[in-house]
Every structure is written in C-alpha cells, then in structure tokens.
PDB file of all heavy atoms in Angstrom:
ATOM      1  N   ASP A   1       2.825 -29.067 -11.193  1.00  0.00           N
ATOM      2  CA  ASP A   1       2.008 -28.402 -12.206  1.00  0.00           C
ATOM      3  C   ASP A   1       2.207 -26.894 -12.228  1.00  0.00           C
ATOM      4  O   ASP A   1       1.535 -26.182 -12.980  1.00  0.00           O
ATOM      5  CB  ASP A   1       0.534 -28.719 -11.976  1.00  0.00           C
ATOM      6  CG  ASP A   1       0.074 -28.362 -10.565  1.00  0.00           C
ATOM      7  OD1 ASP A   1       0.919 -27.895  -9.761  1.00  0.00           O
ATOM      8  OD2 ASP A   1      -1.122 -28.552 -10.259  1.00  0.00           O
ATOM      9  N   GLY A   2       3.131 -26.419 -11.377  1.00  0.00           N
ATOM     10  CA  GLY A   2       3.383 -24.989 -11.325  1.00  0.00           C
ATOM     11  C   GLY A   2       2.507 -24.227 -10.359  1.00  0.00           C
ATOM     12  O   GLY A   2       2.707 -23.031 -10.150  1.00  0.00           O
ATOM     13  N   GLU A   3       1.528 -24.902  -9.778  1.00  0.00           N
ATOM     14  CA  GLU A   3       0.662 -24.243  -8.807  1.00  0.00           C
ATOM     15  C   GLU A   3       1.444 -23.949  -7.528  1.00  0.00           C
ATOM     16  O   GLU A   3       2.192 -24.805  -7.045  1.00  0.00           O
ATOM     17  CB  GLU A   3      -0.545 -25.113  -8.490  1.00  0.00           C
ATOM     18  CG  GLU A   3      -1.605 -25.129  -9.572  1.00  0.00           C
ATOM     19  CD  GLU A   3      -2.212 -23.743  -9.765  1.00  0.00           C
ATOM     20  OE1 GLU A   3      -2.575 -23.108  -8.753  1.00  0.00           O
ATOM     21  OE2 GLU A   3      -2.305 -23.301 -10.921  1.00  0.00           O
ATOM     22  N   PRO A   4       1.288 -22.765  -6.959  1.00  0.00           N
ATOM     23  CA  PRO A   4       2.075 -22.400  -5.774  1.00  0.00           C
ATOM     24  C   PRO A   4       1.669 -23.184  -4.535  1.00  0.00           C
ATOM     25  O   PRO A   4       0.484 -23.317  -4.239  1.00  0.00           O
ATOM     26  CB  PRO A   4       1.803 -20.907  -5.606  1.00  0.00           C
ATOM     27  CG  PRO A   4       0.502 -20.665  -6.292  1.00  0.00           C
ATOM     28  CD  PRO A   4       0.441 -21.646  -7.423  1.00  0.00           C
ATOM     29  N   ARG A   5       2.659 -23.700  -3.829  1.00  0.00           N
ATOM     30  CA  ARG A   5       2.441 -24.299  -2.518  1.00  0.00           C
ATOM     31  C   ARG A   5       2.605 -23.254  -1.413  1.00  0.00           C
ATOM     32  O   ARG A   5       2.047 -23.389  -0.333  1.00  0.00           O
ATOM     33  CB  ARG A   5       3.435 -25.440  -2.299  1.00  0.00           C
ATOM     34  CG  ARG A   5       3.168 -26.648  -3.191  1.00  0.00           C
ATOM     35  CD  ARG A   5       4.305 -27.657  -3.119  1.00  0.00           C
ATOM     36  NE  ARG A   5       3.962 -28.908  -3.769  1.00  0.00           N
ATOM     37  CZ  ARG A   5       4.834 -29.849  -4.107  1.00  0.00           C
ATOM     38  NH1 ARG A   5       6.132 -29.654  -3.862  1.00  0.00           N
ATOM     39  NH2 ARG A   5       4.435 -30.956  -4.689  1.00  0.00           N
ATOM     40  N   ILE A   6       3.423 -22.259  -1.704  1.00  0.00           N
ATOM     41  CA  ILE A   6       3.614 -21.108  -0.830  1.00  0.00           C
ATOM     42  C   ILE A   6       2.937 -19.928  -1.520  1.00  0.00           C
ATOM     43  O   ILE A   6       2.996 -19.809  -2.747  1.00  0.00           O
ATOM     44  CB  ILE A   6       5.115 -20.827  -0.629  1.00  0.00           C
ATOM     45  CG1 ILE A   6       5.806 -21.994   0.069  1.00  0.00           C
ATOM     46  CG2 ILE A   6       5.343 -19.529   0.144  1.00  0.00           C
ATOM     47  CD1 ILE A   6       5.332 -22.254   1.481  1.00  0.00           C
ATOM     48  N   PRO A   7       2.256 -19.055  -0.780  1.00  0.00           N
ATOM     49  CA  PRO A   7       1.559 -17.932  -1.429  1.00  0.00           C
ATOM     50  C   PRO A   7       2.409 -17.228  -2.473  1.00  0.00           C
ATOM     51  O   PRO A   7       3.595 -16.973  -2.271  1.00  0.00           O
ATOM     52  CB  PRO A   7       1.230 -17.011  -0.257  1.00  0.00           C
ATOM     53  CG  PRO A   7       1.111 -17.930   0.913  1.00  0.00           C
ATOM     54  CD  PRO A   7       2.103 -19.027   0.682  1.00  0.00           C
ATOM     55  N   ALA A   8       1.786 -16.940  -3.616  1.00  0.00           N
ATOM     56  CA  ALA A   8       2.488 -16.299  -4.718  1.00  0.00           C
ATOM     57  C   ALA A   8       2.951 -14.899  -4.319  1.00  0.00           C
ATOM     58  O   ALA A   8       2.414 -14.280  -3.396  1.00  0.00           O
ATOM     59  CB  ALA A   8       1.579 -16.223  -5.935  1.00  0.00           C
ATOM     60  N   SER A   9       3.958 -14.392  -5.028  1.00  0.00           N
ATOM     61  CA  SER A   9       4.425 -13.027  -4.800  1.00  0.00           C
ATOM     62  C   SER A   9       3.258 -12.063  -4.981  1.00  0.00           C
ATOM     63  O   SER A   9       2.466 -12.199  -5.923  1.00  0.00           O
ATOM     64  CB  SER A   9       5.548 -12.679  -5.776  1.00  0.00           C
ATOM     65  OG  SER A   9       6.666 -13.513  -5.585  1.00  0.00           O
ATOM     66  N   GLN A  10       3.149 -11.087  -4.093  1.00  0.00           N
ATOM     67  CA  GLN A  10       2.000 -10.193  -4.132  1.00  0.00           C
ATOM     68  C   GLN A  10       2.255  -8.942  -3.308  1.00  0.00           C
ATOM     69  O   GLN A  10       3.191  -8.881  -2.506  1.00  0.00           O
ATOM     70  CB  GLN A  10       0.750 -10.907  -3.608  1.00  0.00           C
ATOM     71  CG  GLN A  10       0.913 -11.496  -2.228  1.00  0.00           C
ATOM     72  CD  GLN A  10      -0.157 -12.532  -1.918  1.00  0.00           C
ATOM     73  OE1 GLN A  10      -1.123 -12.204  -1.258  1.00  0.00           O
ATOM     74  NE2 GLN A  10       0.036 -13.755  -2.400  1.00  0.00           N
ATOM     75  N   TRP A  11       1.371  -7.958  -3.525  1.00  0.00           N
ATOM     76  CA  TRP A  11       1.403  -6.710  -2.750  1.00  0.00           C
ATOM     77  C   TRP A  11       0.284  -6.789  -1.727  1.00  0.00           C
ATOM     78  O   TRP A  11      -0.893  -6.805  -2.080  1.00  0.00           O
ATOM     79  CB  TRP A  11       1.196  -5.521  -3.670  1.00  0.00           C
ATOM     80  CG  TRP A  11       1.352  -4.174  -3.007  1.00  0.00           C
ATOM     81  CD1 TRP A  11       0.806  -3.746  -1.851  1.00  0.00           C
ATOM     82  CD2 TRP A  11       2.131  -3.068  -3.507  1.00  0.00           C
ATOM     83  NE1 TRP A  11       1.171  -2.467  -1.568  1.00  0.00           N
ATOM     84  CE2 TRP A  11       1.989  -2.018  -2.570  1.00  0.00           C
ATOM     85  CE3 TRP A  11       2.911  -2.868  -4.644  1.00  0.00           C
ATOM     86  CZ2 TRP A  11       2.607  -0.779  -2.751  1.00  0.00           C
ATOM     87  CZ3 TRP A  11       3.525  -1.645  -4.811  1.00  0.00           C
ATOM     88  CH2 TRP A  11       3.379  -0.607  -3.875  1.00  0.00           C
ATOM     89  N   LEU A  12       0.643  -6.817  -0.450  1.00  0.00           N
ATOM     90  CA  LEU A  12      -0.331  -6.832   0.634  1.00  0.00           C
ATOM     91  C   LEU A  12      -0.651  -5.389   1.000  1.00  0.00           C
ATOM     92  O   LEU A  12       0.188  -4.679   1.560  1.00  0.00           O
ATOM     93  CB  LEU A  12       0.226  -7.591   1.832  1.00  0.00           C
ATOM     94  CG  LEU A  12       0.552  -9.067   1.542  1.00  0.00           C
ATOM     95  CD1 LEU A  12       1.329  -9.685   2.681  1.00  0.00           C
ATOM     96  CD2 LEU A  12      -0.718  -9.840   1.278  1.00  0.00           C
ATOM     97  N   ASP A  13      -1.848  -4.971   0.646  1.00  0.00           N
ATOM     98  CA  ASP A  13      -2.240  -3.571   0.771  1.00  0.00           C
ATOM     99  C   ASP A  13      -2.596  -3.241   2.216  1.00  0.00           C
ATOM    100  O   ASP A  13      -3.617  -3.681   2.736  1.00  0.00           O
ATOM    101  CB  ASP A  13      -3.429  -3.300  -0.145  1.00  0.00           C
ATOM    102  CG  ASP A  13      -3.757  -1.827  -0.239  1.00  0.00           C
ATOM    103  OD1 ASP A  13      -2.959  -1.008   0.256  1.00  0.00           O
ATOM    104  OD2 ASP A  13      -4.811  -1.490  -0.814  1.00  0.00           O
ATOM    105  N   MET A  14      -1.711  -2.467   2.871  1.00  0.00           N
ATOM    106  CA  MET A  14      -1.920  -2.048   4.254  1.00  0.00           C
ATOM    107  C   MET A  14      -1.786  -0.528   4.309  1.00  0.00           C
ATOM    108  O   MET A  14      -0.682   0.012   4.268  1.00  0.00           O
ATOM    109  CB  MET A  14      -0.891  -2.696   5.183  1.00  0.00           C
ATOM    110  CG  MET A  14      -0.943  -4.207   5.236  1.00  0.00           C
ATOM    111  SD  MET A  14      -2.431  -4.818   6.039  1.00  0.00           S
ATOM    112  CE  MET A  14      -2.222  -4.183   7.698  1.00  0.00           C
ATOM    113  N   PRO A  15      -2.907   0.203   4.357  1.00  0.00           N
ATOM    114  CA  PRO A  15      -2.831   1.676   4.356  1.00  0.00           C
ATOM    115  C   PRO A  15      -1.992   2.214   5.506  1.00  0.00           C
ATOM    116  O   PRO A  15      -1.982   1.662   6.606  1.00  0.00           O
ATOM    117  CB  PRO A  15      -4.295   2.090   4.497  1.00  0.00           C
ATOM    118  CG  PRO A  15      -5.074   0.924   3.952  1.00  0.00           C
ATOM    119  CD  PRO A  15      -4.285  -0.295   4.337  1.00  0.00           C
ATOM    120  N   ALA A  16      -1.273   3.294   5.226  1.00  0.00           N
ATOM    121  CA  ALA A  16      -0.491   3.990   6.247  1.00  0.00           C
ATOM    122  C   ALA A  16      -1.406   4.993   6.942  1.00  0.00           C
ATOM    123  O   ALA A  16      -1.876   5.949   6.322  1.00  0.00           O
ATOM    124  CB  ALA A  16       0.704   4.685   5.616  1.00  0.00           C
ATOM    125  N   THR A  17      -1.658   4.799   8.219  1.00  0.00           N
ATOM    126  CA  THR A  17      -2.630   5.617   8.951  1.00  0.00           C
ATOM    127  C   THR A  17      -2.010   6.422  10.084  1.00  0.00           C
ATOM    128  O   THR A  17      -2.711   7.164  10.768  1.00  0.00           O
ATOM    129  CB  THR A  17      -3.724   4.704   9.539  1.00  0.00           C
ATOM    130  OG1 THR A  17      -3.114   3.729  10.395  1.00  0.00           O
ATOM    131  CG2 THR A  17      -4.482   3.988   8.423  1.00  0.00           C
ATOM    132  N   MET A  18      -0.694   6.286  10.316  1.00  0.00           N
ATOM    133  CA  MET A  18      -0.041   6.962  11.443  1.00  0.00           C
ATOM    134  C   MET A  18       0.856   8.085  10.929  1.00  0.00           C
ATOM    135  O   MET A  18       1.982   7.842  10.496  1.00  0.00           O
ATOM    136  CB  MET A  18       0.784   5.962  12.254  1.00  0.00           C
ATOM    137  CG  MET A  18      -0.027   4.851  12.887  1.00  0.00           C
ATOM    138  SD  MET A  18       1.044   3.598  13.678  1.00  0.00           S
ATOM    139  CE  MET A  18       1.944   4.615  14.870  1.00  0.00           C
ATOM    140  N   PRO A  19       0.387   9.330  10.944  1.00  0.00           N
ATOM    141  CA  PRO A  19       1.233  10.449  10.493  1.00  0.00           C
ATOM    142  C   PRO A  19       2.339  10.732  11.497  1.00  0.00           C
ATOM    143  O   PRO A  19       2.251  10.374  12.677  1.00  0.00           O
ATOM    144  CB  PRO A  19       0.247  11.615  10.403  1.00  0.00           C
ATOM    145  CG  PRO A  19      -0.838  11.274  11.370  1.00  0.00           C
ATOM    146  CD  PRO A  19      -0.949   9.781  11.360  1.00  0.00           C
ATOM    147  N   GLY A  20       3.409  11.329  11.009  1.00  0.00           N
ATOM    148  CA  GLY A  20       4.508  11.716  11.876  1.00  0.00           C
ATOM    149  C   GLY A  20       5.616  10.704  11.970  1.00  0.00           C
ATOM    150  O   GLY A  20       6.635  10.950  12.615  1.00  0.00           O
ATOM    151  N   THR A  21       5.462   9.555  11.337  1.00  0.00           N
ATOM    152  CA  THR A  21       6.500   8.520  11.374  1.00  0.00           C
ATOM    153  C   THR A  21       6.391   7.640  10.140  1.00  0.00           C
ATOM    154  O   THR A  21       5.293   7.419   9.609  1.00  0.00           O
ATOM    155  CB  THR A  21       6.376   7.642  12.633  1.00  0.00           C
ATOM    156  OG1 THR A  21       7.370   6.601  12.586  1.00  0.00           O
ATOM    157  CG2 THR A  21       4.999   7.003  12.730  1.00  0.00           C
ATOM    158  N   HIS A  22       7.547   7.142   9.672  1.00  0.00           N
ATOM    159  CA  HIS A  22       7.539   6.186   8.568  1.00  0.00           C
ATOM    160  C   HIS A  22       7.167   4.781   9.040  1.00  0.00           C
ATOM    161  O   HIS A  22       6.800   3.932   8.225  1.00  0.00           O
ATOM    162  CB  HIS A  22       8.926   6.135   7.907  1.00  0.00           C
ATOM    163  CG  HIS A  22       9.280   7.398   7.186  1.00  0.00           C
ATOM    164  ND1 HIS A  22       8.466   7.994   6.255  1.00  0.00           N
ATOM    165  CD2 HIS A  22      10.398   8.183   7.256  1.00  0.00           C
ATOM    166  CE1 HIS A  22       9.050   9.082   5.774  1.00  0.00           C
ATOM    167  NE2 HIS A  22      10.228   9.224   6.376  1.00  0.00           N
ATOM    168  N   LEU A  23       7.270   4.515  10.318  1.00  0.00           N
ATOM    169  CA  LEU A  23       6.963   3.202  10.875  1.00  0.00           C
ATOM    170  C   LEU A  23       5.461   3.072  11.081  1.00  0.00           C
ATOM    171  O   LEU A  23       4.858   3.833  11.851  1.00  0.00           O
ATOM    172  CB  LEU A  23       7.705   3.007  12.197  1.00  0.00           C
ATOM    173  CG  LEU A  23       7.468   1.679  12.929  1.00  0.00           C
ATOM    174  CD1 LEU A  23       7.936   0.507  12.077  1.00  0.00           C
ATOM    175  CD2 LEU A  23       8.186   1.686  14.273  1.00  0.00           C
ATOM    176  N   GLN A  24       4.860   2.103  10.404  1.00  0.00           N
ATOM    177  CA  GLN A  24       3.427   1.848  10.503  1.00  0.00           C
ATOM    178  C   GLN A  24       3.217   0.504  11.202  1.00  0.00           C
ATOM    179  O   GLN A  24       3.546  -0.552  10.655  1.00  0.00           O
ATOM    180  CB  GLN A  24       2.795   1.845   9.112  1.00  0.00           C
ATOM    181  CG  GLN A  24       2.996   3.139   8.329  1.00  0.00           C
ATOM    182  CD  GLN A  24       2.291   4.314   8.973  1.00  0.00           C
ATOM    183  OE1 GLN A  24       1.114   4.251   9.330  1.00  0.00           O
ATOM    184  NE2 GLN A  24       3.029   5.427   9.148  1.00  0.00           N
ATOM    185  N   ASP A  25       2.693   0.559  12.418  1.00  0.00           N
ATOM    186  CA  ASP A  25       2.593  -0.641  13.249  1.00  0.00           C
ATOM    187  C   ASP A  25       1.755  -1.737  12.600  1.00  0.00           C
ATOM    188  O   ASP A  25       2.059  -2.927  12.739  1.00  0.00           O
ATOM    189  CB  ASP A  25       2.006  -0.279  14.620  1.00  0.00           C
ATOM    190  CG  ASP A  25       2.968   0.556  15.453  1.00  0.00           C
ATOM    191  OD1 ASP A  25       4.179   0.527  15.157  1.00  0.00           O
ATOM    192  OD2 ASP A  25       2.506   1.245  16.390  1.00  0.00           O
ATOM    193  N   ASP A  26       0.691  -1.354  11.880  1.00  0.00           N
ATOM    194  CA  ASP A  26      -0.158  -2.362  11.246  1.00  0.00           C
ATOM    195  C   ASP A  26       0.623  -3.171  10.212  1.00  0.00           C
ATOM    196  O   ASP A  26       0.387  -4.375  10.035  1.00  0.00           O
ATOM    197  CB  ASP A  26      -1.367  -1.705  10.582  1.00  0.00           C
ATOM    198  CG  ASP A  26      -2.385  -1.199  11.593  1.00  0.00           C
ATOM    199  OD1 ASP A  26      -2.256  -1.572  12.786  1.00  0.00           O
ATOM    200  OD2 ASP A  26      -3.293  -0.446  11.209  1.00  0.00           O
ATOM    201  N   GLN A  27       1.548  -2.511   9.529  1.00  0.00           N
ATOM    202  CA  GLN A  27       2.334  -3.217   8.520  1.00  0.00           C
ATOM    203  C   GLN A  27       3.303  -4.198   9.173  1.00  0.00           C
ATOM    204  O   GLN A  27       3.527  -5.297   8.654  1.00  0.00           O
ATOM    205  CB  GLN A  27       3.075  -2.207   7.644  1.00  0.00           C
ATOM    206  CG  GLN A  27       2.138  -1.327   6.828  1.00  0.00           C
ATOM    207  CD  GLN A  27       2.856  -0.322   5.958  1.00  0.00           C
ATOM    208  OE1 GLN A  27       4.077  -0.404   5.752  1.00  0.00           O
ATOM    209  NE2 GLN A  27       2.118   0.650   5.423  1.00  0.00           N
ATOM    210  N   ILE A  28       3.877  -3.825  10.322  1.00  0.00           N
ATOM    211  CA  ILE A  28       4.758  -4.743  11.043  1.00  0.00           C
ATOM    212  C   ILE A  28       3.968  -5.937  11.561  1.00  0.00           C
ATOM    213  O   ILE A  28       4.423  -7.091  11.483  1.00  0.00           O
ATOM    214  CB  ILE A  28       5.456  -4.013  12.200  1.00  0.00           C
ATOM    215  CG1 ILE A  28       6.309  -2.844  11.672  1.00  0.00           C
ATOM    216  CG2 ILE A  28       6.326  -4.985  12.988  1.00  0.00           C
ATOM    217  CD1 ILE A  28       7.403  -3.234  10.730  1.00  0.00           C
ATOM    218  N   ALA A  29       2.760  -5.676  12.086  1.00  0.00           N
ATOM    219  CA  ALA A  29       1.915  -6.779  12.573  1.00  0.00           C
ATOM    220  C   ALA A  29       1.558  -7.719  11.427  1.00  0.00           C
ATOM    221  O   ALA A  29       1.537  -8.948  11.607  1.00  0.00           O
ATOM    222  CB  ALA A  29       0.657  -6.217  13.230  1.00  0.00           C
ATOM    223  N   ARG A  30       1.306  -7.147  10.231  1.00  0.00           N
ATOM    224  CA  ARG A  30       0.984  -7.995   9.078  1.00  0.00           C
ATOM    225  C   ARG A  30       2.185  -8.835   8.679  1.00  0.00           C
ATOM    226  O   ARG A  30       2.057 -10.004   8.319  1.00  0.00           O
ATOM    227  CB  ARG A  30       0.536  -7.115   7.903  1.00  0.00           C
ATOM    228  CG  ARG A  30       0.135  -7.917   6.680  1.00  0.00           C
ATOM    229  CD  ARG A  30      -1.105  -8.761   7.001  1.00  0.00           C
ATOM    230  NE  ARG A  30      -1.335  -9.777   5.992  1.00  0.00           N
ATOM    231  CZ  ARG A  30      -0.808 -10.986   6.002  1.00  0.00           C
ATOM    232  NH1 ARG A  30       0.044 -11.339   6.972  1.00  0.00           N
ATOM    233  NH2 ARG A  30      -1.107 -11.855   5.075  1.00  0.00           N
ATOM    234  N   LEU A  31       3.360  -8.257   8.747  1.00  0.00           N
ATOM    235  CA  LEU A  31       4.576  -9.004   8.450  1.00  0.00           C
ATOM    236  C   LEU A  31       4.730 -10.175   9.411  1.00  0.00           C
ATOM    237  O   LEU A  31       5.068 -11.297   8.985  1.00  0.00           O
ATOM    238  CB  LEU A  31       5.789  -8.081   8.543  1.00  0.00           C
ATOM    239  CG  LEU A  31       7.162  -8.755   8.506  1.00  0.00           C
ATOM    240  CD1 LEU A  31       7.390  -9.453   7.165  1.00  0.00           C
ATOM    241  CD2 LEU A  31       8.273  -7.746   8.786  1.00  0.00           C
ATOM    242  N   CYS A  32       4.494  -9.957  10.682  1.00  0.00           N
ATOM    243  CA  CYS A  32       4.648 -11.026  11.672  1.00  0.00           C
ATOM    244  C   CYS A  32       3.674 -12.166  11.406  1.00  0.00           C
ATOM    245  O   CYS A  32       4.034 -13.345  11.537  1.00  0.00           O
ATOM    246  CB  CYS A  32       4.462 -10.470  13.089  1.00  0.00           C
ATOM    247  SG  CYS A  32       5.793  -9.364  13.618  1.00  0.00           S
ATOM    248  N   ARG A  33       2.455 -11.844  11.024  1.00  0.00           N
ATOM    249  CA  ARG A  33       1.491 -12.917  10.699  1.00  0.00           C
ATOM    250  C   ARG A  33       1.964 -13.717   9.486  1.00  0.00           C
ATOM    251  O   ARG A  33       1.829 -14.949   9.451  1.00  0.00           O
ATOM    252  CB  ARG A  33       0.107 -12.320  10.445  1.00  0.00           C
ATOM    253  CG  ARG A  33      -0.530 -11.690  11.669  1.00  0.00           C
ATOM    254  CD  ARG A  33      -2.034 -11.529  11.507  1.00  0.00           C
ATOM    255  NE  ARG A  33      -2.396 -10.699  10.375  1.00  0.00           N
ATOM    256  CZ  ARG A  33      -2.528  -9.372  10.421  1.00  0.00           C
ATOM    257  NH1 ARG A  33      -2.255  -8.711  11.552  1.00  0.00           N
ATOM    258  NH2 ARG A  33      -2.888  -8.695   9.345  1.00  0.00           N
TER     259      ARG A  33
END
C-alpha cells in the first residue's frame, strides 16, 4: 500500500553543542542507534 516498513527519509534534528570541532558526539551516537 506504499506505507513504509523502514522509517521514511527524514531529518533527525540533533543540535550541535560542542564548539571547537565539526565532530558532534551526540550525532554519531544517534547514527549508531
């Protein structure tokens, strides 16, 4: 019926809170989940 079995494409909003680096640990942790 076209309903997604896998989560639909989307933007997972994870604020960048660590100044001084482009690497944001919370975003990596969200990716792993």
